[in-house]
């Protein structure tokens, strides 16, 4: 006898996965202090640029440096963060 012990057979077409609601995730409103690159908004993890008043985190994501440093270089802001 070939098959599983429960007598059920499942093909790939029979499998159904619950789809995540990506649209709701991306449309979520973030607080003003969220990182402009990745959206991290933990107050202990973000810092505001003194020049443009935008918030950035120390994470890298898919950038070469941290989001803070990436912002300073690209925007040519040479002022320290507070």
PDB file of N, CA and C in Angstrom:
ATOM      1  N   UNK A   1       0.842  -1.184   0.000  1.00  0.00           N
ATOM      2  CA  UNK A   1       0.000   0.000   0.000  1.00  0.00           C
ATOM      3  C   UNK A   1       0.885   1.243   0.000  1.00  0.00           C
ATOM      4  N   UNK A   2       0.657   2.161  -0.935  1.00  0.00           N
ATOM      5  CA  UNK A   2       1.448   3.377  -1.039  1.00  0.00           C
ATOM      6  C   UNK A   2       0.550   4.554  -0.670  1.00  0.00           C
ATOM      7  N   UNK A   3       1.071   5.509   0.140  1.00  0.00           N
ATOM      8  CA  UNK A   3       0.320   6.673   0.569  1.00  0.00           C
ATOM      9  C   UNK A   3       0.608   6.951   2.028  1.00  0.00           C
ATOM     10  N   UNK A   4       0.023   8.025   2.524  1.00  0.00           N
ATOM     11  CA  UNK A   4       0.280   8.308   3.935  1.00  0.00           C
ATOM     12  C   UNK A   4      -0.708   7.561   4.805  1.00  0.00           C
ATOM     13  N   UNK A   5      -0.444   7.506   6.085  1.00  0.00           N
ATOM     14  CA  UNK A   5      -1.225   6.687   6.999  1.00  0.00           C
ATOM     15  C   UNK A   5      -2.628   7.222   7.240  1.00  0.00           C
ATOM     16  N   UNK A   6      -2.881   8.478   6.906  1.00  0.00           N
ATOM     17  CA  UNK A   6      -4.204   9.052   7.146  1.00  0.00           C
ATOM     18  C   UNK A   6      -5.137   8.852   5.968  1.00  0.00           C
ATOM     19  N   UNK A   7      -4.596   8.412   4.853  1.00  0.00           N
ATOM     20  CA  UNK A   7      -5.426   8.205   3.680  1.00  0.00           C
ATOM     21  C   UNK A   7      -5.657   9.482   2.895  1.00  0.00           C
ATOM     22  N   UNK A   8      -5.014  10.581   3.308  1.00  0.00           N
ATOM     23  CA  UNK A   8      -5.165  11.852   2.618  1.00  0.00           C
ATOM     24  C   UNK A   8      -4.007  12.053   1.660  1.00  0.00           C
ATOM     25  N   UNK A   9      -4.287  12.596   0.525  1.00  0.00           N
ATOM     26  CA  UNK A   9      -3.203  12.946  -0.388  1.00  0.00           C
ATOM     27  C   UNK A   9      -3.361  14.411  -0.761  1.00  0.00           C
ATOM     28  N   UNK A  10      -2.267  15.112  -0.695  1.00  0.00           N
ATOM     29  CA  UNK A  10      -2.284  16.544  -1.007  1.00  0.00           C
ATOM     30  C   UNK A  10      -1.304  16.816  -2.122  1.00  0.00           C
ATOM     31  N   UNK A  11      -1.779  17.462  -3.154  1.00  0.00           N
ATOM     32  CA  UNK A  11      -0.903  17.928  -4.217  1.00  0.00           C
ATOM     33  C   UNK A  11      -0.559  19.379  -3.956  1.00  0.00           C
ATOM     34  N   UNK A  12       0.404  19.905  -4.680  1.00  0.00           N
ATOM     35  CA  UNK A  12       0.780  21.305  -4.487  1.00  0.00           C
ATOM     36  C   UNK A  12      -0.387  22.237  -4.765  1.00  0.00           C
ATOM     37  N   UNK A  13      -1.240  21.877  -5.683  1.00  0.00           N
ATOM     38  CA  UNK A  13      -2.389  22.709  -6.003  1.00  0.00           C
ATOM     39  C   UNK A  13      -3.419  22.739  -4.888  1.00  0.00           C
ATOM     40  N   UNK A  14      -3.392  21.747  -4.000  1.00  0.00           N
ATOM     41  CA  UNK A  14      -4.349  21.687  -2.904  1.00  0.00           C
ATOM     42  C   UNK A  14      -3.955  22.559  -1.718  1.00  0.00           C
ATOM     43  N   UNK A  15      -2.682  22.924  -1.654  1.00  0.00           N
ATOM     44  CA  UNK A  15      -2.217  23.706  -0.522  1.00  0.00           C
ATOM     45  C   UNK A  15      -2.661  25.148  -0.669  1.00  0.00           C
ATOM     46  N   UNK A  16      -3.147  25.716   0.406  1.00  0.00           N
ATOM     47  CA  UNK A  16      -3.533  27.111   0.399  1.00  0.00           C
ATOM     48  C   UNK A  16      -2.869  27.796   1.577  1.00  0.00           C
ATOM     49  N   UNK A  17      -2.278  28.931   1.321  1.00  0.00           N
ATOM     50  CA  UNK A  17      -1.591  29.675   2.349  1.00  0.00           C
ATOM     51  C   UNK A  17      -2.338  30.975   2.600  1.00  0.00           C
ATOM     52  N   UNK A  18      -2.369  31.360   3.843  1.00  0.00           N
ATOM     53  CA  UNK A  18      -3.002  32.623   4.195  1.00  0.00           C
ATOM     54  C   UNK A  18      -2.083  33.744   3.721  1.00  0.00           C
ATOM     55  N   UNK A  19      -2.613  34.617   2.880  1.00  0.00           N
ATOM     56  CA  UNK A  19      -1.812  35.727   2.373  1.00  0.00           C
ATOM     57  C   UNK A  19      -1.796  36.846   3.401  1.00  0.00           C
ATOM     58  N   UNK A  20      -0.612  37.402   3.596  1.00  0.00           N
ATOM     59  CA  UNK A  20      -0.506  38.528   4.507  1.00  0.00           C
ATOM     60  C   UNK A  20      -1.043  39.766   3.815  1.00  0.00           C
ATOM     61  N   UNK A  21      -1.600  40.655   4.590  1.00  0.00           N
ATOM     62  CA  UNK A  21      -2.168  41.872   4.041  1.00  0.00           C
ATOM     63  C   UNK A  21      -1.061  42.915   3.926  1.00  0.00           C
ATOM     64  N   UNK A  22      -0.245  42.812   2.871  1.00  0.00           N
ATOM     65  CA  UNK A  22       0.877  43.716   2.679  1.00  0.00           C
ATOM     66  C   UNK A  22       0.422  45.160   2.503  1.00  0.00           C
ATOM     67  N   UNK A  23      -0.706  45.351   1.863  1.00  0.00           N
ATOM     68  CA  UNK A  23      -1.186  46.696   1.622  1.00  0.00           C
ATOM     69  C   UNK A  23      -1.434  47.436   2.928  1.00  0.00           C
ATOM     70  N   UNK A  24      -1.998  46.751   3.918  1.00  0.00           N
ATOM     71  CA  UNK A  24      -2.253  47.374   5.214  1.00  0.00           C
ATOM     72  C   UNK A  24      -0.939  47.706   5.903  1.00  0.00           C
ATOM     73  N   UNK A  25       0.083  46.867   5.726  1.00  0.00           N
ATOM     74  CA  UNK A  25       1.383  47.124   6.343  1.00  0.00           C
ATOM     75  C   UNK A  25       2.008  48.383   5.762  1.00  0.00           C
ATOM     76  N   UNK A  26       1.992  48.510   4.450  1.00  0.00           N
ATOM     77  CA  UNK A  26       2.646  49.643   3.823  1.00  0.00           C
ATOM     78  C   UNK A  26       1.859  50.938   3.961  1.00  0.00           C
ATOM     79  N   UNK A  27       0.580  50.862   4.202  1.00  0.00           N
ATOM     80  CA  UNK A  27      -0.208  52.074   4.347  1.00  0.00           C
ATOM     81  C   UNK A  27      -0.314  52.521   5.801  1.00  0.00           C
ATOM     82  N   UNK A  28       0.327  51.785   6.696  1.00  0.00           N
ATOM     83  CA  UNK A  28       0.291  52.133   8.115  1.00  0.00           C
ATOM     84  C   UNK A  28       0.952  53.489   8.310  1.00  0.00           C
ATOM     85  N   UNK A  29       0.290  54.361   9.043  1.00  0.00           N
ATOM     86  CA  UNK A  29       0.851  55.678   9.300  1.00  0.00           C
ATOM     87  C   UNK A  29       1.885  55.575  10.407  1.00  0.00           C
ATOM     88  N   UNK A  30       3.062  56.096  10.135  1.00  0.00           N
ATOM     89  CA  UNK A  30       4.146  56.066  11.097  1.00  0.00           C
ATOM     90  C   UNK A  30       4.206  57.394  11.837  1.00  0.00           C
ATOM     91  N   UNK A  31       4.723  57.385  13.059  1.00  0.00           N
ATOM     92  CA  UNK A  31       4.872  58.650  13.788  1.00  0.00           C
ATOM     93  C   UNK A  31       5.911  59.544  13.106  1.00  0.00           C
ATOM     94  N   UNK A  32       5.902  60.813  13.453  1.00  0.00           N
ATOM     95  CA  UNK A  32       6.825  61.766  12.837  1.00  0.00           C
ATOM     96  C   UNK A  32       8.281  61.405  13.108  1.00  0.00           C
ATOM     97  N   UNK A  33       8.550  60.716  14.206  1.00  0.00           N
ATOM     98  CA  UNK A  33       9.929  60.383  14.563  1.00  0.00           C
ATOM     99  C   UNK A  33      10.394  59.044  13.974  1.00  0.00           C
ATOM    100  N   UNK A  34       9.754  58.556  12.943  1.00  0.00           N
ATOM    101  CA  UNK A  34      10.165  57.312  12.285  1.00  0.00           C
ATOM    102  C   UNK A  34      11.327  57.579  11.336  1.00  0.00           C
ATOM    103  N   UNK A  35      12.243  56.612  11.239  1.00  0.00           N
ATOM    104  CA  UNK A  35      13.384  56.728  10.325  1.00  0.00           C
ATOM    105  C   UNK A  35      12.868  56.914   8.899  1.00  0.00           C
ATOM    106  N   UNK A  36      13.405  57.882   8.194  1.00  0.00           N
ATOM    107  CA  UNK A  36      12.956  58.177   6.829  1.00  0.00           C
ATOM    108  C   UNK A  36      13.343  57.095   5.835  1.00  0.00           C
ATOM    109  N   UNK A  37      14.295  56.226   6.198  1.00  0.00           N
ATOM    110  CA  UNK A  37      14.693  55.145   5.299  1.00  0.00           C
ATOM    111  C   UNK A  37      13.890  53.871   5.538  1.00  0.00           C
ATOM    112  N   UNK A  38      13.734  53.472   6.804  1.00  0.00           N
ATOM    113  CA  UNK A  38      13.160  52.149   7.061  1.00  0.00           C
ATOM    114  C   UNK A  38      11.908  52.165   7.936  1.00  0.00           C
ATOM    115  N   UNK A  39      11.591  53.281   8.568  1.00  0.00           N
ATOM    116  CA  UNK A  39      10.371  53.362   9.353  1.00  0.00           C
ATOM    117  C   UNK A  39      10.505  52.978  10.814  1.00  0.00           C
ATOM    118  N   UNK A  40      11.695  52.599  11.275  1.00  0.00           N
ATOM    119  CA  UNK A  40      11.867  52.295  12.706  1.00  0.00           C
ATOM    120  C   UNK A  40      11.479  53.535  13.488  1.00  0.00           C
ATOM    121  N   UNK A  41      10.658  53.356  14.524  1.00  0.00           N
ATOM    122  CA  UNK A  41      10.187  54.522  15.258  1.00  0.00           C
ATOM    123  C   UNK A  41      10.290  54.380  16.772  1.00  0.00           C
ATOM    124  N   UNK A  42      11.152  53.502  17.236  1.00  0.00           N
ATOM    125  CA  UNK A  42      11.436  53.408  18.666  1.00  0.00           C
ATOM    126  C   UNK A  42      12.218  54.658  19.062  1.00  0.00           C
ATOM    127  N   UNK A  43      11.712  55.469  19.984  1.00  0.00           N
ATOM    128  CA  UNK A  43      12.396  56.712  20.358  1.00  0.00           C
ATOM    129  C   UNK A  43      13.840  56.498  20.821  1.00  0.00           C
ATOM    130  N   UNK A  44      14.159  55.320  21.323  1.00  0.00           N
ATOM    131  CA  UNK A  44      15.515  55.042  21.775  1.00  0.00           C
ATOM    132  C   UNK A  44      16.451  54.677  20.634  1.00  0.00           C
ATOM    133  N   UNK A  45      15.933  54.527  19.424  1.00  0.00           N
ATOM    134  CA  UNK A  45      16.746  54.074  18.296  1.00  0.00           C
ATOM    135  C   UNK A  45      16.859  55.086  17.167  1.00  0.00           C
ATOM    136  N   UNK A  46      16.249  56.238  17.299  1.00  0.00           N
ATOM    137  CA  UNK A  46      16.288  57.223  16.214  1.00  0.00           C
ATOM    138  C   UNK A  46      16.895  58.537  16.703  1.00  0.00           C
ATOM    139  N   UNK A  47      17.362  59.311  15.739  1.00  0.00           N
ATOM    140  CA  UNK A  47      17.972  60.598  16.042  1.00  0.00           C
ATOM    141  C   UNK A  47      17.546  61.588  14.956  1.00  0.00           C
ATOM    142  N   UNK A  48      17.418  62.865  15.312  1.00  0.00           N
ATOM    143  CA  UNK A  48      16.947  63.867  14.365  1.00  0.00           C
ATOM    144  C   UNK A  48      18.114  64.701  13.841  1.00  0.00           C
ATOM    145  N   UNK A  49      18.104  64.937  12.554  1.00  0.00           N
ATOM    146  CA  UNK A  49      19.105  65.801  11.922  1.00  0.00           C
ATOM    147  C   UNK A  49      18.780  67.243  12.286  1.00  0.00           C
ATOM    148  N   UNK A  50      19.772  67.992  12.743  1.00  0.00           N
ATOM    149  CA  UNK A  50      19.560  69.394  13.126  1.00  0.00           C
ATOM    150  C   UNK A  50      19.281  70.308  11.946  1.00  0.00           C
ATOM    151  N   UNK A  51      19.701  69.916  10.751  1.00  0.00           N
ATOM    152  CA  UNK A  51      19.533  70.768   9.581  1.00  0.00           C
ATOM    153  C   UNK A  51      18.131  70.635   8.988  1.00  0.00           C
ATOM    154  N   UNK A  52      17.730  69.402   8.660  1.00  0.00           N
ATOM    155  CA  UNK A  52      16.452  69.212   7.962  1.00  0.00           C
ATOM    156  C   UNK A  52      15.335  68.711   8.870  1.00  0.00           C
ATOM    157  N   UNK A  53      15.670  68.397  10.112  1.00  0.00           N
ATOM    158  CA  UNK A  53      14.691  67.951  11.121  1.00  0.00           C
ATOM    159  C   UNK A  53      14.038  66.615  10.776  1.00  0.00           C
ATOM    160  N   UNK A  54      14.727  65.783   9.981  1.00  0.00           N
ATOM    161  CA  UNK A  54      14.233  64.436   9.680  1.00  0.00           C
ATOM    162  C   UNK A  54      14.871  63.455  10.649  1.00  0.00           C
ATOM    163  N   UNK A  55      14.200  62.311  10.850  1.00  0.00           N
ATOM    164  CA  UNK A  55      14.657  61.299  11.796  1.00  0.00           C
ATOM    165  C   UNK A  55      15.296  60.125  11.064  1.00  0.00           C
ATOM    166  N   UNK A  56      16.364  59.564  11.676  1.00  0.00           N
ATOM    167  CA  UNK A  56      17.083  58.433  11.105  1.00  0.00           C
ATOM    168  C   UNK A  56      17.510  57.484  12.214  1.00  0.00           C
ATOM    169  N   UNK A  57      17.662  56.210  11.858  1.00  0.00           N
ATOM    170  CA  UNK A  57      18.130  55.223  12.834  1.00  0.00           C
ATOM    171  C   UNK A  57      19.572  54.846  12.515  1.00  0.00           C
ATOM    172  N   UNK A  58      20.149  53.987  13.345  1.00  0.00           N
ATOM    173  CA  UNK A  58      21.522  53.544  13.132  1.00  0.00           C
ATOM    174  C   UNK A  58      21.563  52.235  12.348  1.00  0.00           C
ATOM    175  N   UNK A  59      20.411  51.766  11.878  1.00  0.00           N
ATOM    176  CA  UNK A  59      20.360  50.532  11.101  1.00  0.00           C
ATOM    177  C   UNK A  59      20.909  50.736   9.705  1.00  0.00           C
ATOM    178  N   UNK A  60      21.231  49.629   9.049  1.00  0.00           N
ATOM    179  CA  UNK A  60      21.802  49.708   7.709  1.00  0.00           C
ATOM    180  C   UNK A  60      20.800  49.364   6.623  1.00  0.00           C
ATOM    181  N   UNK A  61      19.912  48.421   6.891  1.00  0.00           N
ATOM    182  CA  UNK A  61      18.990  47.990   5.842  1.00  0.00           C
ATOM    183  C   UNK A  61      19.759  47.539   4.626  1.00  0.00           C
ATOM    184  N   UNK A  62      19.453  48.075   3.457  1.00  0.00           N
ATOM    185  CA  UNK A  62      20.187  47.703   2.243  1.00  0.00           C
ATOM    186  C   UNK A  62      21.127  48.819   1.789  1.00  0.00           C
ATOM    187  N   UNK A  63      21.489  49.720   2.699  1.00  0.00           N
ATOM    188  CA  UNK A  63      22.427  50.789   2.369  1.00  0.00           C
ATOM    189  C   UNK A  63      23.830  50.398   2.809  1.00  0.00           C
ATOM    190  N   UNK A  64      24.823  51.096   2.308  1.00  0.00           N
ATOM    191  CA  UNK A  64      26.206  50.742   2.610  1.00  0.00           C
ATOM    192  C   UNK A  64      26.615  51.129   4.030  1.00  0.00           C
ATOM    193  N   UNK A  65      26.047  52.181   4.569  1.00  0.00           N
ATOM    194  CA  UNK A  65      26.345  52.618   5.929  1.00  0.00           C
ATOM    195  C   UNK A  65      25.066  52.743   6.715  1.00  0.00           C
ATOM    196  N   UNK A  66      25.184  53.187   7.942  1.00  0.00           N
ATOM    197  CA  UNK A  66      23.965  53.360   8.735  1.00  0.00           C
ATOM    198  C   UNK A  66      23.109  54.448   8.102  1.00  0.00           C
ATOM    199  N   UNK A  67      21.837  54.425   8.409  1.00  0.00           N
ATOM    200  CA  UNK A  67      20.929  55.407   7.821  1.00  0.00           C
ATOM    201  C   UNK A  67      21.307  56.828   8.216  1.00  0.00           C
ATOM    202  N   UNK A  68      21.827  57.013   9.425  1.00  0.00           N
ATOM    203  CA  UNK A  68      22.256  58.341   9.872  1.00  0.00           C
ATOM    204  C   UNK A  68      23.407  58.832   8.993  1.00  0.00           C
ATOM    205  N   UNK A  69      24.431  58.003   8.850  1.00  0.00           N
ATOM    206  CA  UNK A  69      25.608  58.378   8.064  1.00  0.00           C
ATOM    207  C   UNK A  69      25.249  58.538   6.590  1.00  0.00           C
ATOM    208  N   UNK A  70      24.426  57.651   6.072  1.00  0.00           N
ATOM    209  CA  UNK A  70      23.994  57.740   4.675  1.00  0.00           C
ATOM    210  C   UNK A  70      23.303  59.083   4.421  1.00  0.00           C
ATOM    211  N   UNK A  71      22.478  59.510   5.342  1.00  0.00           N
ATOM    212  CA  UNK A  71      21.793  60.802   5.202  1.00  0.00           C
ATOM    213  C   UNK A  71      22.794  61.952   5.212  1.00  0.00           C
ATOM    214  N   UNK A  72      23.728  61.936   6.159  1.00  0.00           N
ATOM    215  CA  UNK A  72      24.711  63.020   6.247  1.00  0.00           C
ATOM    216  C   UNK A  72      25.514  63.159   4.963  1.00  0.00           C
ATOM    217  N   UNK A  73      25.932  62.043   4.415  1.00  0.00           N
ATOM    218  CA  UNK A  73      26.745  62.065   3.197  1.00  0.00           C
ATOM    219  C   UNK A  73      25.924  62.537   2.003  1.00  0.00           C
ATOM    220  N   UNK A  74      24.754  61.961   1.814  1.00  0.00           N
ATOM    221  CA  UNK A  74      23.943  62.293   0.628  1.00  0.00           C
ATOM    222  C   UNK A  74      23.412  63.721   0.680  1.00  0.00           C
ATOM    223  N   UNK A  75      23.041  64.201   1.877  1.00  0.00           N
ATOM    224  CA  UNK A  75      22.475  65.542   1.999  1.00  0.00           C
ATOM    225  C   UNK A  75      23.557  66.600   2.210  1.00  0.00           C
ATOM    226  N   UNK A  76      24.815  66.156   2.401  1.00  0.00           N
ATOM    227  CA  UNK A  76      25.943  67.065   2.662  1.00  0.00           C
ATOM    228  C   UNK A  76      25.709  67.910   3.899  1.00  0.00           C
ATOM    229  N   UNK A  77      25.069  67.318   4.889  1.00  0.00           N
ATOM    230  CA  UNK A  77      24.876  67.984   6.173  1.00  0.00           C
ATOM    231  C   UNK A  77      26.078  67.685   7.037  1.00  0.00           C
ATOM    232  N   UNK A  78      26.705  68.728   7.549  1.00  0.00           N
ATOM    233  CA  UNK A  78      27.922  68.544   8.334  1.00  0.00           C
ATOM    234  C   UNK A  78      27.727  69.003   9.780  1.00  0.00           C
ATOM    235  N   UNK A  79      26.523  68.830  10.286  1.00  0.00           N
ATOM    236  CA  UNK A  79      26.194  69.247  11.642  1.00  0.00           C
ATOM    237  C   UNK A  79      25.910  68.006  12.443  1.00  0.00           C
ATOM    238  N   UNK A  80      26.308  68.017  13.688  1.00  0.00           N
ATOM    239  CA  UNK A  80      26.051  66.832  14.522  1.00  0.00           C
ATOM    240  C   UNK A  80      24.575  66.738  14.881  1.00  0.00           C
ATOM    241  N   UNK A  81      24.175  65.541  15.259  1.00  0.00           N
ATOM    242  CA  UNK A  81      22.804  65.275  15.661  1.00  0.00           C
ATOM    243  C   UNK A  81      22.654  65.554  17.144  1.00  0.00           C
ATOM    244  N   UNK A  82      21.448  65.852  17.544  1.00  0.00           N
ATOM    245  CA  UNK A  82      21.138  66.034  18.959  1.00  0.00           C
ATOM    246  C   UNK A  82      20.130  65.013  19.369  1.00  0.00           C
TER     247      UNK A  82
END
